[in-house]
N, C-alpha and C. Protein backbone atom coordinates (compact mmCIF):
# COMPACT_ATOMS: atom_id res chain seq x y z
N MET A 1 9.97 35.42 -33.38
CA MET A 1 8.66 35.51 -33.94
C MET A 1 8.02 33.55 -33.91
N HIS A 2 8.91 32.94 -35.40
CA HIS A 2 8.55 31.87 -35.52
C HIS A 2 8.00 30.77 -34.14
N LYS A 3 9.12 30.98 -33.37
CA LYS A 3 8.97 30.39 -31.72
C LYS A 3 7.82 30.56 -31.30
N PHE A 4 7.14 31.69 -31.04
CA PHE A 4 6.00 32.20 -30.09
C PHE A 4 4.81 31.76 -31.30
N VAL A 5 4.86 31.80 -32.72
CA VAL A 5 4.11 31.45 -33.53
C VAL A 5 3.39 29.52 -32.95
N LEU A 6 4.64 28.87 -33.58
CA LEU A 6 4.89 27.59 -32.98
C LEU A 6 4.24 27.20 -31.32
N LEU A 7 4.91 27.96 -30.52
CA LEU A 7 4.41 27.62 -28.88
C LEU A 7 2.94 27.75 -28.86
N PHE A 8 2.60 28.85 -29.92
CA PHE A 8 1.02 29.20 -29.95
C PHE A 8 0.36 27.99 -30.26
N PHE A 9 0.50 27.34 -31.41
CA PHE A 9 -0.20 26.71 -32.15
C PHE A 9 -0.23 25.28 -31.43
N VAL A 10 1.21 25.06 -30.69
CA VAL A 10 0.97 23.51 -29.75
C VAL A 10 0.02 23.88 -28.58
N PHE A 11 0.27 24.99 -27.93
CA PHE A 11 -0.49 25.00 -26.63
C PHE A 11 -1.99 25.38 -26.67
N PHE A 12 -1.82 25.86 -27.64
CA PHE A 12 -3.67 26.93 -27.89
C PHE A 12 -4.42 26.05 -28.88
N ASN A 13 -4.03 24.89 -29.59
CA ASN A 13 -4.47 24.10 -30.99
C ASN A 13 -5.53 23.76 -30.23
N PRO A 14 -6.45 23.39 -30.54
CA PRO A 14 -7.80 22.60 -29.79
C PRO A 14 -7.18 21.19 -30.62
N THR A 15 -7.05 20.71 -31.88
CA THR A 15 -6.36 20.01 -32.41
C THR A 15 -5.14 18.65 -31.55
N VAL A 16 -4.58 19.80 -31.04
CA VAL A 16 -3.26 19.14 -30.28
C VAL A 16 -3.76 18.47 -29.36
N ALA A 17 -4.62 19.47 -28.17
CA ALA A 17 -5.29 19.37 -27.36
C ALA A 17 -5.97 18.14 -27.25
N ALA A 18 -6.75 18.17 -28.48
CA ALA A 18 -7.75 16.52 -28.03
C ALA A 18 -6.93 15.54 -28.01
N LEU A 19 -5.86 15.73 -29.11
CA LEU A 19 -4.82 14.27 -29.04
C LEU A 19 -4.04 14.03 -27.94
N ALA A 20 -3.71 15.02 -26.81
CA ALA A 20 -3.39 14.57 -25.88
C ALA A 20 -4.02 14.09 -25.17
N ALA A 21 -5.25 14.40 -24.86
CA ALA A 21 -6.43 14.00 -23.95
C ALA A 21 -6.95 12.35 -24.65
N ASP A 22 -6.77 12.60 -25.25
CA ASP A 22 -7.02 10.80 -25.60
C ASP A 22 -5.88 9.67 -25.64
N THR A 23 -5.07 10.49 -25.58
CA THR A 23 -3.72 9.77 -25.09
C THR A 23 -3.90 8.88 -24.10
N SER A 24 -4.10 7.42 -24.19
CA SER A 24 -4.33 6.78 -22.54
C SER A 24 -2.75 6.06 -22.27
N PRO A 25 -2.84 5.59 -20.72
CA PRO A 25 -1.82 5.17 -20.32
C PRO A 25 -1.75 3.92 -20.81
N SER A 26 -0.12 3.48 -20.49
CA SER A 26 0.50 2.14 -20.87
C SER A 26 -0.99 0.98 -20.38
N PRO A 27 -1.65 0.35 -21.06
CA PRO A 27 -2.36 -0.92 -20.40
C PRO A 27 -1.77 -1.62 -18.98
N VAL A 28 -2.64 -1.78 -17.92
CA VAL A 28 -1.56 -2.35 -16.65
C VAL A 28 -2.23 -4.05 -16.98
N ALA A 29 -0.83 -4.87 -16.44
CA ALA A 29 -1.45 -6.33 -16.22
C ALA A 29 -2.63 -6.28 -15.45
N ALA A 30 -3.65 -7.37 -16.27
CA ALA A 30 -5.00 -7.34 -14.82
C ALA A 30 -4.71 -7.89 -13.71
N GLU A 31 -5.18 -7.72 -12.48
CA GLU A 31 -4.67 -8.16 -11.59
C GLU A 31 -5.44 -9.65 -11.51
N ASN A 32 -4.57 -10.93 -10.31
CA ASN A 32 -5.06 -11.70 -9.99
C ASN A 32 -6.23 -12.22 -9.62
N LYS A 33 -6.90 -13.49 -10.08
CA LYS A 33 -8.06 -13.61 -9.71
C LYS A 33 -8.20 -13.72 -8.41
N GLU A 34 -7.50 -14.29 -7.67
CA GLU A 34 -7.08 -14.64 -6.44
C GLU A 34 -7.12 -13.12 -5.53
N LEU A 35 -6.36 -12.79 -6.15
CA LEU A 35 -5.91 -10.99 -4.90
C LEU A 35 -7.83 -9.99 -5.51
N LYS A 36 -7.98 -10.08 -6.65
CA LYS A 36 -9.10 -9.55 -6.70
C LYS A 36 -10.25 -10.04 -5.81
N LYS A 37 -10.71 -11.07 -5.58
CA LYS A 37 -11.35 -12.05 -4.57
C LYS A 37 -11.16 -11.48 -3.18
N ALA A 38 -10.16 -11.19 -2.72
CA ALA A 38 -9.44 -11.42 -1.60
C ALA A 38 -9.63 -10.02 -1.72
N ARG A 39 -9.40 -9.00 -2.32
CA ARG A 39 -9.67 -7.32 -2.07
C ARG A 39 -11.22 -7.27 -1.87
N GLU A 40 -12.23 -8.16 -2.53
CA GLU A 40 -13.45 -7.65 -2.62
C GLU A 40 -13.86 -8.22 -1.32
N SER A 41 -13.36 -9.46 -0.60
CA SER A 41 -13.69 -9.80 0.74
C SER A 41 -13.27 -9.19 1.95
N ILE A 42 -12.16 -8.37 1.46
CA ILE A 42 -11.59 -7.22 2.69
C ILE A 42 -12.47 -5.71 2.77
N ALA A 43 -12.90 -5.73 1.29
CA ALA A 43 -13.91 -4.48 1.21
C ALA A 43 -14.97 -4.74 1.75
N LYS A 44 -15.84 -5.91 2.01
CA LYS A 44 -16.73 -6.65 2.84
C LYS A 44 -16.23 -6.51 4.23
N LYS A 45 -15.01 -6.72 4.79
CA LYS A 45 -14.48 -6.83 5.99
C LYS A 45 -14.71 -8.39 6.22
N ASP A 46 -14.96 -9.06 5.63
CA ASP A 46 -14.98 -10.90 5.69
C ASP A 46 -13.43 -10.87 5.94
N TRP A 47 -12.76 -10.90 6.96
CA TRP A 47 -11.49 -11.13 6.89
C TRP A 47 -11.21 -13.11 6.66
N PRO A 48 -12.61 -13.62 7.37
CA PRO A 48 -11.92 -14.97 7.03
C PRO A 48 -11.99 -15.63 6.02
N ALA A 49 -12.48 -14.69 5.13
CA ALA A 49 -13.34 -15.27 3.52
C ALA A 49 -11.70 -14.79 2.73
N ALA A 50 -11.20 -13.44 3.22
CA ALA A 50 -9.91 -13.29 2.68
C ALA A 50 -9.15 -14.21 2.75
N ILE A 51 -8.75 -14.32 4.37
CA ILE A 51 -7.54 -15.41 4.71
C ILE A 51 -7.73 -16.70 3.94
N VAL A 52 -8.97 -17.41 3.31
CA VAL A 52 -9.23 -18.57 2.75
C VAL A 52 -8.87 -18.55 1.21
N VAL A 53 -8.79 -17.03 0.95
CA VAL A 53 -8.20 -17.41 -0.60
C VAL A 53 -6.36 -17.02 -0.29
N LEU A 54 -6.27 -16.12 0.53
CA LEU A 54 -4.89 -15.75 0.51
C LEU A 54 -3.85 -16.28 0.91
N GLU A 55 -4.06 -17.38 2.07
CA GLU A 55 -3.26 -18.48 2.65
C GLU A 55 -2.61 -19.34 1.33
N PRO A 56 -3.62 -19.81 0.95
CA PRO A 56 -3.30 -20.75 -0.62
C PRO A 56 -2.46 -19.76 -2.10
N TYR A 57 -2.43 -18.69 -1.76
CA TYR A 57 -2.35 -17.91 -2.62
C TYR A 57 -0.89 -17.69 -2.71
N THR A 58 -0.52 -17.21 -1.19
CA THR A 58 0.68 -17.06 -0.81
C THR A 58 1.78 -18.48 -1.10
N LYS A 59 0.91 -18.99 -0.16
CA LYS A 59 2.03 -20.33 -0.53
C LYS A 59 2.43 -20.52 -2.05
N ASN A 60 1.63 -20.30 -2.88
CA ASN A 60 1.28 -21.07 -4.48
C ASN A 60 2.45 -19.36 -5.05
N THR A 61 2.51 -18.36 -4.63
CA THR A 61 3.17 -17.34 -5.08
C THR A 61 3.40 -16.90 -3.83
N ALA A 62 4.81 -17.16 -3.74
CA ALA A 62 5.60 -16.86 -2.64
C ALA A 62 6.51 -15.57 -2.88
N ASN A 63 6.47 -15.22 -3.80
CA ASN A 63 7.20 -13.93 -4.39
C ASN A 63 6.39 -12.64 -4.32
N ASP A 64 5.54 -12.40 -4.28
CA ASP A 64 4.43 -11.50 -4.06
C ASP A 64 4.07 -10.67 -3.03
N ALA A 65 4.62 -9.63 -2.85
CA ALA A 65 4.75 -8.95 -1.24
C ALA A 65 2.81 -8.02 -0.99
N ASP A 66 2.30 -7.90 -2.47
CA ASP A 66 1.17 -7.44 -1.99
C ASP A 66 0.22 -8.82 -1.82
N GLY A 67 0.22 -9.79 -1.58
CA GLY A 67 -0.40 -10.97 -1.41
C GLY A 67 -0.47 -10.81 0.33
N PHE A 68 0.88 -10.85 0.75
CA PHE A 68 1.15 -10.99 2.34
C PHE A 68 0.88 -10.02 2.54
N ASN A 69 1.46 -8.71 2.06
CA ASN A 69 0.52 -7.80 3.09
C ASN A 69 -0.97 -7.58 3.29
N LEU A 70 -1.65 -7.95 2.17
CA LEU A 70 -3.29 -8.21 2.40
C LEU A 70 -3.52 -9.52 3.26
N LEU A 71 -2.64 -10.36 3.69
CA LEU A 71 -2.75 -11.35 4.58
C LEU A 71 -2.58 -10.99 5.66
N GLY A 72 -1.40 -9.95 5.91
CA GLY A 72 -1.44 -9.98 7.22
C GLY A 72 -2.36 -9.00 7.63
N TYR A 73 -3.21 -7.58 6.63
CA TYR A 73 -4.16 -6.92 7.23
C TYR A 73 -5.22 -7.93 7.58
N SER A 74 -5.31 -9.03 7.02
CA SER A 74 -6.52 -9.66 7.31
C SER A 74 -6.42 -10.40 8.42
N TYR A 75 -5.31 -11.03 8.72
CA TYR A 75 -5.09 -11.27 10.16
C TYR A 75 -4.99 -10.38 11.08
N ARG A 76 -4.56 -9.17 10.74
CA ARG A 76 -4.44 -8.28 11.95
C ARG A 76 -6.07 -8.00 12.45
N ASN A 77 -6.79 -7.48 11.55
CA ASN A 77 -8.28 -7.33 11.77
C ASN A 77 -8.78 -8.32 12.93
N LEU A 78 -8.39 -9.36 12.76
CA LEU A 78 -9.15 -10.74 14.07
C LEU A 78 -8.31 -10.82 14.57
N LYS A 79 -7.21 -9.37 14.91
CA LYS A 79 -6.64 -9.42 16.35
C LYS A 79 -5.43 -10.81 16.07
N ARG A 80 -5.48 -11.79 14.92
CA ARG A 80 -4.20 -12.42 15.15
C ARG A 80 -2.39 -11.84 14.60
N TYR A 81 -2.43 -11.27 15.61
CA TYR A 81 -1.09 -10.08 15.70
C TYR A 81 0.18 -11.19 15.23
N ASP A 82 0.31 -11.79 16.01
CA ASP A 82 1.47 -12.78 15.49
C ASP A 82 1.79 -13.18 13.84
N GLU A 83 0.53 -13.65 13.51
CA GLU A 83 0.52 -14.35 11.93
C GLU A 83 0.65 -13.01 10.96
N SER A 84 -0.49 -11.79 11.47
CA SER A 84 -0.03 -10.56 11.08
C SER A 84 1.50 -10.08 11.00
N LEU A 85 1.91 -10.69 11.76
CA LEU A 85 3.79 -10.51 11.95
C LEU A 85 4.67 -10.94 10.91
N VAL A 86 4.14 -12.22 10.84
CA VAL A 86 4.52 -13.30 9.57
C VAL A 86 4.44 -12.44 8.29
N ALA A 87 3.57 -12.27 8.07
CA ALA A 87 2.63 -12.05 6.79
C ALA A 87 3.45 -10.43 6.33
N TYR A 88 3.60 -9.94 7.30
CA TYR A 88 4.10 -8.14 7.11
C TYR A 88 5.49 -8.44 7.10
N LYS A 89 6.49 -9.21 7.57
CA LYS A 89 7.41 -9.50 7.51
C LYS A 89 8.55 -10.27 6.21
N LYS A 90 7.07 -10.91 5.57
CA LYS A 90 7.54 -11.70 4.39
C LYS A 90 7.14 -10.95 3.38
N ALA A 91 6.74 -9.68 3.72
CA ALA A 91 6.16 -8.87 2.62
C ALA A 91 7.40 -7.96 2.16
N LEU A 92 7.96 -7.66 3.32
CA LEU A 92 8.60 -6.97 3.49
C LEU A 92 10.29 -7.43 3.11
N GLU A 93 10.16 -8.95 2.94
CA GLU A 93 11.15 -9.02 2.89
C GLU A 93 11.70 -9.42 1.13
N ILE A 94 10.41 -9.84 0.59
CA ILE A 94 10.36 -9.49 -0.88
C ILE A 94 10.17 -8.10 -1.01
N ASP A 95 10.21 -7.26 -0.64
CA ASP A 95 10.12 -5.60 -1.46
C ASP A 95 9.71 -4.64 0.36
N PRO A 96 11.31 -4.61 0.35
CA PRO A 96 11.66 -4.06 1.59
C PRO A 96 10.69 -2.43 1.61
N LYS A 97 10.72 -1.76 0.55
CA LYS A 97 10.17 -0.47 0.45
C LYS A 97 8.50 -0.48 0.05
N HIS A 98 8.08 -1.75 0.76
CA HIS A 98 6.61 -1.51 0.18
C HIS A 98 6.21 -1.14 1.46
N ARG A 99 5.71 0.20 0.66
CA ARG A 99 4.91 1.51 1.86
C ARG A 99 3.95 0.84 2.91
N GLY A 100 2.69 0.17 2.17
CA GLY A 100 1.42 -0.52 2.55
C GLY A 100 1.74 -1.07 3.25
N ALA A 101 3.04 -2.55 3.71
CA ALA A 101 3.43 -3.32 4.50
C ALA A 101 4.24 -2.39 5.94
N HIS A 102 5.07 -1.83 6.02
CA HIS A 102 5.48 -0.56 6.39
C HIS A 102 4.14 -0.02 7.15
N GLU A 103 3.21 0.63 6.84
CA GLU A 103 2.31 1.39 7.41
C GLU A 103 1.63 0.12 8.15
N TYR A 104 1.16 -0.96 7.56
CA TYR A 104 0.15 -1.90 8.30
C TYR A 104 1.10 -2.75 9.78
N ILE A 105 2.16 -3.14 9.02
CA ILE A 105 3.17 -3.66 10.28
C ILE A 105 3.24 -2.58 11.50
N GLY A 106 3.50 -1.19 10.76
CA GLY A 106 3.13 -0.16 12.11
C GLY A 106 2.23 -0.40 13.30
N ILE A 107 1.20 -0.28 12.25
CA ILE A 107 -0.07 -0.14 13.23
C ILE A 107 -0.36 -1.42 13.64
N ALA A 108 0.10 -2.64 13.47
CA ALA A 108 -0.08 -3.82 14.10
C ALA A 108 0.76 -3.37 15.52
N TYR A 109 1.83 -2.73 15.49
CA TYR A 109 2.73 -2.96 16.33
C TYR A 109 2.34 -1.55 17.62
N ILE A 110 1.66 -0.74 16.92
CA ILE A 110 0.71 0.31 17.60
C ILE A 110 -0.34 -0.22 18.93
N GLN A 111 -1.23 -1.44 17.62
CA GLN A 111 -2.31 -2.45 18.35
C GLN A 111 -1.66 -3.23 19.41
N MET A 112 -0.33 -3.61 19.26
CA MET A 112 0.22 -4.68 20.25
C MET A 112 1.10 -3.85 21.60
N SER A 113 0.93 -2.63 21.42
CA SER A 113 1.94 -1.50 22.44
C SER A 113 3.41 -1.22 22.30
N GLN A 114 3.46 -1.69 21.19
CA GLN A 114 4.92 -1.97 20.93
C GLN A 114 5.48 -0.38 19.71
N LEU A 115 5.29 0.26 20.84
CA LEU A 115 5.80 1.99 20.03
C LEU A 115 7.16 1.55 19.15
N ALA A 116 8.26 1.34 20.02
CA ALA A 116 9.56 1.40 19.51
C ALA A 116 9.55 0.71 17.96
N ASN A 117 8.77 -0.19 17.93
CA ASN A 117 8.62 -0.68 16.51
C ASN A 117 8.04 -0.60 15.60
N ALA A 118 6.85 0.12 15.77
CA ALA A 118 6.41 1.03 15.35
C ALA A 118 6.84 2.47 14.46
N LYS A 119 7.77 2.81 15.21
CA LYS A 119 8.94 3.89 15.23
C LYS A 119 9.55 3.57 14.08
N ILE A 120 10.03 2.28 14.25
CA ILE A 120 11.15 1.80 13.02
C ILE A 120 10.24 1.65 11.41
N HIS A 121 9.23 1.50 11.69
CA HIS A 121 8.38 1.54 10.48
C HIS A 121 8.25 2.66 9.83
N LEU A 122 7.79 3.44 10.70
CA LEU A 122 7.46 5.31 10.70
C LEU A 122 8.58 5.87 10.21
N ASP A 123 9.87 5.36 10.78
CA ASP A 123 10.97 5.81 9.93
C ASP A 123 11.86 5.26 8.50
N ALA A 124 11.03 4.00 8.83
CA ALA A 124 11.52 3.67 6.84
C ALA A 124 10.50 4.49 5.87
N LEU A 125 9.06 4.32 6.56
CA LEU A 125 7.98 4.77 5.11
C LEU A 125 9.09 6.58 5.34
N ASP A 126 9.34 7.44 6.66
CA ASP A 126 10.18 8.61 5.85
C ASP A 126 11.00 8.85 4.97
N LYS A 127 11.87 7.69 5.13
CA LYS A 127 13.11 7.24 3.88
C LYS A 127 12.37 7.36 2.92
N ILE A 128 11.38 6.24 2.31
CA ILE A 128 10.95 5.82 1.75
C ILE A 128 10.33 6.80 0.76
N CYS A 129 9.22 7.31 1.28
CA CYS A 129 8.32 8.51 1.21
C CYS A 129 9.07 9.34 0.80
N THR A 130 9.80 10.12 -0.37
CA THR A 130 10.45 11.24 -0.39
C THR A 130 10.04 12.71 -0.28
N LEU A 131 8.63 12.62 -0.79
CA LEU A 131 7.75 13.95 -0.16
C LEU A 131 6.84 13.86 0.71
N SER A 132 6.89 12.42 1.55
CA SER A 132 5.58 12.25 1.93
C SER A 132 5.01 11.22 1.31
N CYS A 133 3.83 10.31 1.87
CA CYS A 133 3.01 9.84 0.94
C CYS A 133 1.57 9.39 2.12
N GLU A 134 0.60 9.14 2.04
CA GLU A 134 -0.33 8.78 2.55
C GLU A 134 -0.09 7.41 3.09
N GLU A 135 0.63 6.42 3.25
CA GLU A 135 1.13 5.36 4.44
C GLU A 135 1.89 6.21 5.30
N TYR A 136 2.81 7.21 5.52
CA TYR A 136 3.80 7.85 6.27
C TYR A 136 2.30 8.17 6.96
N ARG A 137 1.64 9.23 6.30
CA ARG A 137 0.83 10.04 7.11
C ARG A 137 -0.42 9.63 7.67
N ASP A 138 -0.64 8.36 7.26
CA ASP A 138 -1.35 7.58 8.30
C ASP A 138 -0.92 6.84 9.79
N LEU A 139 0.45 6.50 9.40
CA LEU A 139 1.11 6.02 10.10
C LEU A 139 1.36 6.98 11.39
N LYS A 140 1.77 7.70 10.91
CA LYS A 140 2.35 9.01 11.93
C LYS A 140 1.15 9.51 12.87
N LYS A 141 -0.01 9.80 12.05
CA LYS A 141 -0.88 10.07 12.46
C LYS A 141 -1.65 9.20 14.08
N ALA A 142 -1.48 7.72 13.48
CA ALA A 142 -1.63 6.37 14.54
C ALA A 142 -0.77 7.15 15.53
N TYR A 143 0.59 6.95 15.31
CA TYR A 143 1.77 6.63 16.01
C TYR A 143 1.51 7.88 17.34
N LEU A 144 1.43 9.14 16.63
CA LEU A 144 1.75 10.05 17.49
C LEU A 144 0.18 10.17 18.13
N ALA A 145 -1.00 9.57 17.83
CA ALA A 145 -2.20 9.30 18.71
C ALA A 145 -1.75 8.12 20.00
N ALA A 146 -1.16 7.13 19.67
CA ALA A 146 -0.77 6.41 20.35
C ALA A 146 0.53 7.13 21.55
N THR A 147 1.28 8.16 21.48
CA THR A 147 2.64 8.26 22.00
C THR A 147 1.58 9.23 22.98
N SER A 148 0.26 10.04 22.83
CA SER A 148 -0.11 10.73 23.82
C SER A 148 -0.43 10.30 24.73
N ALA A 149 -1.29 8.90 24.02
CA ALA A 149 -2.02 8.34 24.67
C ALA A 149 -1.76 7.38 25.99
N ALA A 150 -0.36 7.27 25.95
CA ALA A 150 0.26 6.59 26.53
C ALA A 150 1.18 7.06 27.79
N LYS A 151 1.12 8.66 27.37
CA LYS A 151 1.91 9.45 28.37
C LYS A 151 0.78 9.91 29.77
């Protein structure tokens, strides 16, 4: 009986519920100013402006997979595929499980009609994303569309 009262108190007491609601997650480090500026340019689809920020950023911060991924994304959107592949591969060298880089390099390969290479990254995402993830679903959708169009 005492356990029931205790459980009832913990789960249905408004004071306890309020304390739980006020608990904030641990603070996340503020994003680098350059990456923030690059993301703003990307949001505006201003690929050249993003590249102007990201090229020196990635030279000075050679261990940031996100920076290389965003650089590859910007190059890809300008159809500068060779440069995008170099940037994505660098992102994956830094972080082999970088979901965004796997998705975006897969998309680049699809746009270049290299479906076998895209499939490699789709399979990698299938392993990385235990219960599926947005990057896997997006690449799979693009891959399936490309393979059905190729037939």
